[in-house]
Protein backbone atom coordinates (compact mmCIF):
# COMPACT_ATOMS: atom_id res chain seq x y z
CA MET A 1 -47.52 -33.58 -40.81
CA ILE A 2 -45.15 -33.16 -43.77
CA LEU A 3 -46.77 -34.31 -47.00
CA LYS A 4 -45.09 -37.27 -48.64
CA TYR A 5 -45.48 -38.31 -52.25
CA ILE A 6 -46.49 -41.95 -52.64
CA PRO A 7 -46.78 -43.27 -56.21
CA LEU A 8 -50.07 -45.00 -57.01
CA ASP A 9 -48.59 -48.47 -57.45
CA GLU A 10 -46.58 -48.22 -54.23
CA GLY A 11 -49.58 -46.95 -52.26
CA MET A 12 -51.81 -49.71 -53.54
CA MET A 13 -49.24 -52.32 -52.59
CA ILE A 14 -49.05 -50.91 -49.08
CA MET A 15 -52.84 -51.06 -48.75
CA ASP A 16 -52.83 -54.60 -50.13
CA GLU A 17 -50.75 -55.55 -47.08
CA ALA A 18 -53.43 -54.11 -44.82
CA ILE A 19 -56.22 -55.88 -46.69
CA VAL A 20 -54.46 -59.28 -46.75
CA LYS A 21 -53.89 -59.16 -42.99
CA ALA A 22 -57.42 -57.92 -42.27
CA LYS A 23 -58.82 -60.80 -44.33
CA LYS A 24 -57.31 -63.25 -41.87
CA ILE A 25 -60.05 -62.16 -39.44
CA ILE A 26 -62.83 -63.34 -41.72
CA GLU A 27 -60.86 -66.47 -42.56
CA GLY A 28 -61.21 -67.57 -38.94
CA TYR A 29 -58.56 -65.65 -37.04
CA PRO A 30 -60.54 -62.95 -35.17
CA GLU A 31 -57.62 -62.52 -32.76
CA THR A 32 -55.64 -60.82 -35.56
CA LYS A 33 -54.28 -57.49 -34.30
CA PHE A 34 -52.57 -54.52 -35.89
CA SER A 35 -49.78 -52.72 -34.07
CA GLY A 36 -49.78 -48.97 -33.61
CA GLU A 37 -47.00 -48.69 -36.18
CA GLU A 38 -49.00 -50.70 -38.72
CA TYR A 39 -52.11 -48.63 -38.18
CA GLN A 40 -50.15 -45.38 -38.59
CA ARG A 41 -48.47 -46.65 -41.76
CA PHE A 42 -51.71 -47.66 -43.46
CA TYR A 43 -53.62 -44.57 -42.36
CA GLU A 44 -50.86 -42.21 -43.49
CA CYS A 45 -50.61 -44.00 -46.82
CA VAL A 46 -54.23 -43.15 -47.57
CA TYR A 47 -53.82 -39.66 -46.18
CA PHE A 48 -50.77 -38.84 -48.32
CA MET A 49 -52.32 -40.29 -51.46
CA CYS A 50 -55.45 -38.21 -50.92
CA THR A 51 -53.74 -34.92 -50.05
CA TYR A 52 -50.54 -34.70 -52.10
CA HIS A 53 -52.34 -33.99 -55.37
CA SER A 54 -55.48 -31.95 -55.90
CA SER A 55 -56.82 -34.52 -58.35
CA ASN A 56 -59.49 -36.94 -57.07
CA GLU A 57 -58.27 -39.75 -59.32
CA LYS A 58 -56.16 -41.55 -56.72
CA THR A 59 -58.74 -40.91 -54.03
CA MET A 60 -61.51 -42.49 -56.09
CA GLN A 61 -59.28 -45.48 -56.76
CA LEU A 62 -58.74 -45.88 -53.02
CA TYR A 63 -62.50 -45.64 -52.48
CA GLU A 64 -63.06 -48.40 -55.05
CA LYS A 65 -60.25 -50.45 -53.53
CA PHE A 66 -62.02 -50.37 -50.17
CA ARG A 67 -65.26 -51.62 -51.72
CA ASN A 68 -63.50 -54.23 -53.85
CA SER A 69 -61.62 -55.59 -50.84
CA LEU A 70 -64.92 -56.28 -49.07
CA GLU A 71 -66.55 -57.81 -52.13
CA GLU A 72 -63.53 -60.02 -52.80
CA SER A 73 -63.58 -61.25 -49.19
CA ILE A 74 -67.26 -62.10 -49.53
CA PHE A 75 -66.85 -64.00 -52.79
CA SER A 76 -63.65 -65.81 -51.80
CA THR A 77 -64.43 -66.65 -48.16
CA VAL A 78 -67.92 -65.79 -46.88
CA LEU A 79 -70.15 -67.33 -49.56
CA PRO A 80 -68.09 -70.54 -49.99
CA THR A 81 -68.27 -71.03 -46.22
CA LEU A 82 -72.06 -70.62 -46.08
CA VAL A 83 -73.41 -71.76 -49.42
CA ASN A 84 -73.70 -75.48 -48.60
CA LYS A 85 -74.82 -75.08 -44.98
CA GLN A 86 -78.38 -75.73 -43.81
CA GLY A 87 -80.43 -75.34 -40.64
CA ALA A 88 -78.66 -74.71 -37.36
CA ASN A 89 -75.25 -75.20 -39.00
CA LEU A 90 -76.00 -72.38 -41.43
CA LEU A 91 -77.19 -70.10 -38.64
CA ARG A 92 -74.13 -70.89 -36.51
CA GLU A 93 -71.66 -70.17 -39.33
CA PHE A 94 -73.61 -67.06 -40.30
CA VAL A 95 -73.43 -65.60 -36.79
CA VAL A 96 -69.67 -66.24 -36.56
CA ILE A 97 -68.84 -64.91 -40.00
CA TRP A 98 -70.96 -61.77 -39.51
CA SER A 99 -69.06 -61.01 -36.32
CA ASN A 100 -65.71 -61.56 -38.05
CA TYR A 101 -66.77 -59.58 -41.10
CA LYS A 102 -67.70 -56.57 -38.96
CA LEU A 103 -64.34 -56.74 -37.20
CA MET A 104 -62.48 -56.92 -40.49
CA ALA A 105 -64.51 -54.04 -41.93
CA ARG A 106 -63.91 -51.97 -38.79
CA TRP A 107 -60.14 -52.23 -39.25
CA LEU A 108 -60.38 -51.34 -42.93
CA CYS A 109 -62.61 -48.37 -42.13
CA ARG A 110 -59.93 -47.10 -39.75
CA PHE A 111 -57.18 -47.43 -42.38
CA PHE A 112 -59.28 -45.66 -45.04
CA GLU A 113 -60.77 -43.19 -42.55
CA TYR A 114 -59.50 -40.11 -44.36
CA LEU A 115 -61.95 -40.89 -47.18
CA ASP A 116 -64.82 -40.56 -44.72
CA ARG A 117 -63.44 -37.33 -43.28
CA PHE A 118 -62.53 -35.49 -46.47
CA PHE A 119 -63.42 -37.16 -49.77
CA ILE A 120 -66.89 -38.64 -49.23
CA PRO A 121 -68.44 -35.46 -47.68
CA GLN A 122 -67.50 -33.63 -50.91
CA HIS A 123 -69.35 -36.24 -53.01
CA ILE A 124 -72.81 -36.69 -51.55
CA GLU A 125 -73.60 -39.45 -54.04
CA LEU A 126 -70.98 -41.69 -52.42
CA GLU A 127 -71.81 -44.05 -49.59
CA SER A 128 -69.84 -43.87 -46.33
CA LEU A 129 -67.28 -46.57 -45.60
CA ASN A 130 -69.50 -48.04 -42.89
CA GLY A 131 -72.43 -47.90 -45.29
CA ILE A 132 -70.45 -49.80 -47.92
CA SER A 133 -69.53 -52.42 -45.31
CA PHE A 134 -73.19 -53.02 -44.49
CA SER A 135 -74.55 -52.84 -48.02
CA CYS A 136 -71.96 -55.28 -49.39
CA PHE A 137 -72.80 -57.89 -46.78
CA ARG A 138 -76.54 -57.25 -47.00
CA ASP A 139 -76.74 -57.40 -50.80
CA LEU A 140 -74.20 -60.15 -51.49
CA VAL A 141 -74.70 -62.42 -48.47
CA PHE A 142 -77.79 -61.71 -46.38
CA LYS A 143 -80.28 -61.32 -49.24
CA LYS A 144 -78.89 -64.40 -50.95
CA LEU A 145 -79.32 -66.54 -47.84
CA TYR A 146 -82.37 -64.80 -46.35
CA CYS A 147 -84.97 -67.49 -47.12
CA ARG A 148 -82.67 -70.24 -45.84
CA LEU A 149 -81.90 -68.27 -42.68
CA ILE A 150 -85.63 -67.80 -42.03
CA GLU A 151 -86.19 -71.51 -42.57
CA ALA A 152 -83.35 -72.34 -40.17
CA ALA A 153 -84.72 -70.02 -37.48
CA LEU A 154 -88.29 -71.32 -37.85
CA THR A 155 -87.08 -74.92 -37.69
CA LEU A 156 -85.33 -74.26 -34.38
CA ILE A 157 -88.41 -72.48 -32.98
CA ASN A 158 -90.69 -75.34 -34.01
CA GLN A 159 -88.29 -77.91 -32.56
CA GLU A 160 -88.23 -76.06 -29.25
CA ARG A 161 -92.03 -75.77 -29.28
CA GLU A 162 -92.24 -79.54 -29.72
CA GLY A 163 -90.05 -80.09 -26.65
CA GLN A 164 -86.60 -80.52 -28.20
CA GLN A 165 -83.52 -78.84 -26.77
CA ILE A 166 -82.13 -76.11 -29.02
CA ASP A 167 -79.39 -73.49 -28.82
CA CYS A 168 -81.48 -70.48 -27.79
CA VAL A 169 -78.44 -68.19 -27.66
CA LEU A 170 -77.61 -69.07 -31.27
CA LEU A 171 -81.20 -68.38 -32.33
CA LYS A 172 -81.26 -65.03 -30.55
CA ASN A 173 -77.92 -64.00 -32.04
CA GLY A 174 -79.13 -64.93 -35.52
CA LEU A 175 -82.38 -62.99 -35.19
CA ASP A 176 -80.52 -60.02 -33.72
CA ILE A 177 -78.63 -59.79 -37.01
CA PHE A 178 -81.98 -59.51 -38.83
CA VAL A 179 -82.72 -56.48 -36.66
CA GLU A 180 -79.20 -55.07 -36.97
CA ILE A 181 -79.15 -55.19 -40.76
CA SER A 182 -82.72 -53.88 -40.95
CA ASP A 183 -81.85 -50.80 -38.92
CA TYR A 184 -79.35 -49.57 -41.49
CA LYS A 185 -81.41 -48.99 -44.66
CA GLY A 186 -84.96 -48.93 -43.34
CA VAL A 187 -85.94 -52.34 -44.78
CA ASN A 188 -87.12 -54.35 -41.80
CA TYR A 189 -86.06 -57.94 -42.42
CA TYR A 190 -87.02 -58.95 -38.90
CA GLU A 191 -90.62 -57.83 -39.49
CA ASP A 192 -90.75 -60.00 -42.62
CA PHE A 193 -89.51 -62.96 -40.58
CA GLU A 194 -92.01 -62.13 -37.84
CA ARG A 195 -94.95 -62.18 -40.28
CA ILE A 196 -93.95 -65.60 -41.57
CA MET A 197 -93.47 -66.90 -38.02
CA LEU A 198 -96.88 -65.61 -36.87
CA THR A 199 -98.53 -67.23 -39.89
CA GLU A 200 -96.97 -70.57 -38.92
CA ILE A 201 -98.05 -70.09 -35.30
CA SER A 202 -101.60 -69.37 -36.47
CA GLY A 203 -101.76 -72.63 -38.38
CA TYR A 204 -100.17 -74.57 -35.53
CA TYR A 205 -102.59 -73.39 -32.84
CA SER A 206 -105.60 -73.59 -35.11
CA ARG A 207 -104.85 -77.29 -35.59
CA LEU A 208 -104.28 -77.77 -31.85
CA ALA A 209 -107.59 -76.09 -31.01
CA SER A 210 -109.46 -78.56 -33.23
CA GLU A 211 -107.64 -81.55 -31.74
CA TRP A 212 -108.13 -80.46 -28.13
CA LEU A 213 -111.81 -79.69 -28.56
CA LEU A 214 -112.28 -83.17 -29.98
CA HIS A 215 -110.30 -85.13 -27.40
CA ASP A 216 -110.11 -83.09 -24.16
CA SER A 217 -112.58 -81.91 -21.58
CA SER A 218 -113.23 -78.18 -21.33
CA ALA A 219 -111.20 -77.99 -18.09
CA GLU A 220 -108.28 -79.81 -19.73
CA TYR A 221 -108.56 -77.48 -22.71
CA VAL A 222 -108.32 -74.39 -20.48
CA GLN A 223 -105.31 -75.82 -18.66
CA LYS A 224 -103.54 -76.43 -21.98
CA VAL A 225 -104.28 -72.90 -23.13
CA PHE A 226 -102.84 -71.53 -19.90
CA TRP A 227 -99.69 -73.63 -20.35
CA CYS A 228 -99.26 -72.65 -24.02
CA LEU A 229 -99.60 -68.93 -23.33
CA ASN A 230 -96.98 -69.09 -20.60
CA ARG A 231 -94.60 -71.15 -22.73
CA GLU A 232 -94.95 -68.82 -25.72
CA LYS A 233 -94.22 -65.80 -23.53
CA GLN A 234 -91.14 -67.51 -22.10
CA ARG A 235 -90.07 -68.53 -25.58
CA ALA A 236 -90.44 -65.00 -26.92
CA ARG A 237 -88.41 -63.53 -24.07
CA GLN A 238 -85.56 -65.96 -24.73
CA TYR A 239 -84.78 -65.15 -28.35
CA LEU A 240 -87.32 -62.84 -30.02
CA HIS A 241 -87.61 -59.07 -30.21
CA PRO A 242 -89.52 -57.64 -27.20
CA ASP A 243 -92.40 -56.37 -29.37
CA THR A 244 -92.99 -59.87 -30.75
CA GLU A 245 -94.19 -61.28 -27.43
CA VAL A 246 -97.41 -59.26 -27.50
CA LYS A 247 -98.16 -60.30 -31.08
CA ILE A 248 -97.61 -63.99 -30.33
CA VAL A 249 -99.88 -63.85 -27.28
CA GLN A 250 -102.58 -62.19 -29.39
CA VAL A 251 -102.33 -64.87 -32.08
CA VAL A 252 -102.45 -67.73 -29.56
CA ARG A 253 -105.40 -66.23 -27.68
CA TYR A 254 -107.26 -65.65 -30.92
CA HIS A 255 -106.94 -69.25 -32.14
CA LEU A 256 -107.28 -71.02 -28.78
CA LEU A 257 -109.94 -68.78 -27.22
CA ASP A 258 -111.68 -66.19 -29.37
CA GLN A 259 -112.16 -68.44 -32.40
CA ILE A 260 -113.60 -71.35 -30.46
CA ALA A 261 -115.45 -69.58 -27.61
CA ASN A 262 -118.89 -70.81 -28.72
CA LYS A 263 -117.67 -74.37 -29.29
CA LEU A 264 -116.02 -74.40 -25.89
CA MET A 265 -119.22 -73.22 -24.23
CA GLU A 266 -121.19 -75.89 -26.06
CA LYS A 267 -118.71 -78.51 -24.89
CA ARG A 268 -118.96 -77.28 -21.33
CA GLN A 269 -122.74 -77.29 -21.56
CA ALA A 270 -122.73 -80.89 -22.70
CA GLU A 271 -120.50 -81.79 -19.74
CA ASN A 272 -122.56 -79.88 -17.19
CA SER A 273 -126.12 -79.92 -18.38
CA GLY A 274 -128.13 -77.10 -16.83
CA MET A 275 -125.23 -75.64 -14.80
CA VAL A 276 -123.43 -73.38 -17.28
CA THR A 277 -124.88 -69.91 -16.71
CA ASP A 278 -121.91 -68.56 -14.70
CA TYR A 279 -119.43 -70.20 -17.02
CA GLN A 280 -121.04 -68.72 -20.13
CA GLU A 281 -121.03 -65.27 -18.56
CA ILE A 282 -117.32 -65.45 -17.77
CA LEU A 283 -116.42 -66.86 -21.17
CA SER A 284 -118.43 -64.22 -22.98
CA LYS A 285 -116.80 -61.49 -20.93
CA TYR A 286 -113.17 -62.53 -21.34
CA ALA A 287 -112.77 -64.94 -24.24
CA GLY A 288 -114.74 -62.69 -26.54
CA MET A 289 -112.10 -59.98 -26.41
CA SER A 290 -110.96 -58.90 -29.87
CA LEU A 291 -107.33 -58.78 -30.89
CA GLN A 292 -107.44 -55.00 -30.53
CA GLU A 293 -108.24 -55.48 -26.87
CA GLY A 294 -105.31 -57.84 -26.39
CA SER A 295 -103.35 -55.11 -24.62
CA SER A 296 -106.03 -54.43 -22.01
CA SER A 297 -105.32 -54.55 -18.30
CA THR A 298 -106.74 -58.07 -18.07
CA SER A 299 -103.82 -60.41 -18.66
CA PRO A 300 -104.19 -63.92 -20.15
CA GLU A 301 -103.22 -65.37 -16.79
CA GLU A 302 -105.97 -63.45 -15.00
CA TRP A 303 -108.48 -64.55 -17.60
CA LEU A 304 -107.54 -68.19 -17.31
CA SER A 305 -107.29 -68.13 -13.53
CA THR A 306 -110.80 -66.69 -13.30
CA LEU A 307 -112.12 -69.17 -15.83
CA MET A 308 -110.54 -72.17 -14.14
CA ALA A 309 -111.70 -71.05 -10.69
CA ASN A 310 -115.30 -70.76 -11.87
CA SER A 311 -115.21 -74.02 -13.79
CA ALA A 312 -113.96 -75.74 -10.64
CA HIS A 313 -116.79 -74.14 -8.66
CA ILE A 314 -119.38 -75.31 -11.18
CA CYS A 315 -118.07 -78.85 -11.04
């Protein structure tokens, strides 16, 4: 390829064309395409500006232009779109704009690719183009909205737990972004969300355990536990990370079984005076399992099936 001299002002104007068109993607036109001729023109512009002179001055200005183009898009389009949204509306807009932002950034990374191939490897203190794309969105958008996004996700989960219909695909897509952004810099935002969610689940099932012990028979209590465990497993498989299912089951079992084992046996004893020996033995064997034993070969379903079968026999 014959080197071509491109003055700084002219080169920057050419790249402004690329940036303006790429921004249309994040403005709501994800179908925006670049022709092969356009791609070649923008790529060669960066290439010639980087290689014609030995000085790094123009190259560093191109590097900063790439970053500034992302930041400007965030401040002019992304944040104004999201800042006043709440709940499911916030999560829905967030999922769409993250997808469009990645597409826009992918095109810009291709146009400025020569920086990644030549300039950045010579300056180890500089972040890669893909790294800049992630860090800009993470620091300027995700961190700013993180608490509201958690609140939106938890609200949907609680609504679904209470029997309302929610958009499970939307919830999964939103939580997948938590994982996706976490993977890049080692800060696990999904784990932070998971801790908050498990704390809420603990409080929820602790309250339910008290209510059920007060108002339901021991057999009804066991049936409700069985139903809750199955529903929580189904719920986790719909929109949560695979590792979360085990943790939720452990929390539910702890609050509905381990914590109240003695009270449940006392309730059963009051219902079946003098006929609780077998029941107590089963309950002591299975319900007394610690959280560390939650991954044993005895599944919650097996435990409950055995318990319900024996309680039916005693009756």
